[in-house]
Amino acid sequence: MSMQSKFTAVALALACLTAPAMAAEYDFDGALQSLRTGRMAEAYGRFLSLGLHGDPDAARIALFLGQNATILYGAMWELTDLDAASLRVVAERPALRPQPQPDPAGYDATGISQRPIPADTIARK
């Protein structure tokens, strides 16, 4: 077996190992896109499927949507006790995606200060 054949075999093996992770990330992004565009039932189905297949981030979202859909969206999506128990076990695992960290200056994404502004600062403006 030539060196090029060995290199090709190793590259192919690595590509096969990373393909499921890349596919799961693509599916999660698709579920997020469905949620952001208002296709709630589709998003719930995708998150539920990903969560039941071991994605902890999707499991957390599926649990939230399954338990609060009636209140938030006026929809009744079925979340069986067995599925909810499975999702809770998966949701306890660490997140697969980076979590946003709070800004040390005390601002969040809205740009609104989370710390009270001193009264003398307001008086100067």
Protein backbone atom coordinates (compact mmCIF):
# COMPACT_ATOMS: atom_id res chain seq x y z
CA MET A 1 0.00 0.00 0.00
CA SER A 2 1.51 3.29 -1.09
CA MET A 3 1.86 6.32 1.16
CA GLN A 4 -0.79 8.18 -0.85
CA SER A 5 -3.26 5.30 -0.42
CA LYS A 6 -2.65 5.27 3.33
CA PHE A 7 -3.16 9.02 3.53
CA THR A 8 -6.37 8.76 1.52
CA ALA A 9 -7.66 5.96 3.77
CA VAL A 10 -6.94 7.97 6.92
CA ALA A 11 -8.58 11.10 5.47
CA LEU A 12 -11.66 9.10 4.47
CA ALA A 13 -11.90 7.53 7.94
CA LEU A 14 -11.69 10.95 9.62
CA ALA A 15 -14.33 12.36 7.28
CA CYS A 16 -16.67 9.49 8.14
CA LEU A 17 -16.19 10.08 11.86
CA THR A 18 -16.98 13.81 11.68
CA ALA A 19 -19.93 13.50 9.30
CA PRO A 20 -22.54 12.62 11.99
CA ALA A 21 -21.49 15.58 14.15
CA MET A 22 -21.67 17.93 11.19
CA ALA A 23 -25.06 16.52 10.18
CA ALA A 24 -26.41 16.98 13.72
CA GLU A 25 -25.18 20.58 13.78
CA TYR A 26 -26.87 21.21 10.45
CA ASP A 27 -30.11 19.71 11.77
CA PHE A 28 -29.91 21.87 14.91
CA ASP A 29 -29.37 24.97 12.78
CA GLY A 30 -32.36 23.97 10.65
CA ALA A 31 -34.50 23.57 13.76
CA LEU A 32 -33.39 27.01 14.98
CA GLN A 33 -34.24 28.49 11.59
CA SER A 34 -37.71 26.93 11.78
CA LEU A 35 -38.19 28.41 15.25
CA ARG A 36 -37.02 31.87 14.16
CA THR A 37 -39.30 31.90 11.12
CA GLY A 38 -42.38 30.93 13.12
CA ARG A 39 -42.73 27.32 11.98
CA MET A 40 -43.16 26.21 15.57
CA ALA A 41 -44.56 22.71 15.01
CA GLU A 42 -41.74 21.89 12.60
CA ALA A 43 -39.15 23.28 15.02
CA TYR A 44 -40.62 21.29 17.91
CA GLY A 45 -40.53 18.09 15.88
CA ARG A 46 -36.91 18.67 14.88
CA PHE A 47 -35.79 19.55 18.41
CA LEU A 48 -37.68 16.57 19.82
CA SER A 49 -36.03 14.21 17.35
CA LEU A 50 -32.55 15.62 18.00
CA GLY A 51 -33.11 15.53 21.76
CA LEU A 52 -34.24 11.92 21.70
CA HIS A 53 -31.11 11.10 19.69
CA GLY A 54 -28.84 12.56 22.37
CA ASP A 55 -28.43 16.31 21.68
CA PRO A 56 -28.62 18.02 25.11
CA ASP A 57 -29.24 21.52 23.71
CA ALA A 58 -32.11 20.28 21.56
CA ALA A 59 -33.48 18.28 24.50
CA ARG A 60 -33.69 21.42 26.66
CA ILE A 61 -35.52 23.33 23.93
CA ALA A 62 -37.87 20.42 23.17
CA LEU A 63 -38.75 20.12 26.86
CA PHE A 64 -39.47 23.84 27.08
CA LEU A 65 -41.59 23.84 23.93
CA GLY A 66 -43.42 20.65 24.87
CA GLN A 67 -44.31 21.92 28.32
CA ASN A 68 -45.17 25.53 27.41
CA ALA A 69 -46.54 25.39 23.87
CA THR A 70 -50.16 25.81 24.93
CA ILE A 71 -49.41 28.95 26.93
CA LEU A 72 -46.94 30.52 24.50
CA TYR A 73 -48.18 29.49 21.07
CA GLY A 74 -51.71 28.23 21.62
CA ALA A 75 -50.66 24.84 20.27
CA MET A 76 -50.92 21.42 21.85
CA TRP A 77 -47.91 19.31 20.97
CA GLU A 78 -47.77 15.87 22.45
CA LEU A 79 -44.95 15.23 24.88
CA THR A 80 -45.40 11.82 26.45
CA ASP A 81 -44.13 11.11 29.93
CA LEU A 82 -41.64 8.61 28.48
CA ASP A 83 -40.27 11.19 26.00
CA ALA A 84 -40.11 13.85 28.71
CA ALA A 85 -38.16 11.50 30.99
CA SER A 86 -35.74 10.65 28.17
CA LEU A 87 -35.28 14.33 27.33
CA ARG A 88 -34.59 15.19 30.98
CA VAL A 89 -31.79 12.61 31.13
CA VAL A 90 -30.24 13.96 27.91
CA ALA A 91 -30.71 17.59 29.00
CA GLU A 92 -28.55 17.02 32.08
CA ARG A 93 -25.49 16.51 29.87
CA PRO A 94 -23.17 19.45 29.13
CA ALA A 95 -24.03 21.69 26.19
CA LEU A 96 -22.51 20.88 22.81
CA ARG A 97 -22.47 24.47 21.64
CA PRO A 98 -20.73 27.49 23.18
CA GLN A 99 -22.92 29.38 25.61
CA PRO A 100 -23.04 33.18 25.43
CA GLN A 101 -21.26 34.76 28.36
CA PRO A 102 -22.45 37.93 30.09
CA ASP A 103 -20.59 41.10 29.25
CA PRO A 104 -18.31 42.06 32.15
CA ALA A 105 -19.26 45.71 31.63
CA GLY A 106 -22.82 44.86 32.64
CA TYR A 107 -24.50 45.10 29.23
CA ASP A 108 -26.41 42.43 27.44
CA ALA A 109 -27.24 42.10 23.74
CA THR A 110 -29.94 44.76 23.99
CA GLY A 111 -27.40 47.41 24.98
CA ILE A 112 -29.37 48.26 28.11
CA SER A 113 -27.25 48.59 31.22
CA GLN A 114 -27.91 45.98 33.85
CA ARG A 115 -26.46 48.17 36.56
CA PRO A 116 -28.23 51.20 37.98
CA ILE A 117 -26.95 54.54 36.75
CA PRO A 118 -25.85 56.91 39.52
CA ALA A 119 -28.19 59.88 39.95
CA ASP A 120 -25.40 62.45 39.52
CA THR A 121 -24.61 60.98 36.09
CA ILE A 122 -28.23 61.49 35.01
CA ALA A 123 -28.23 65.04 36.38
CA ARG A 124 -25.17 65.94 34.26
CA LYS A 125 -26.88 64.86 31.05
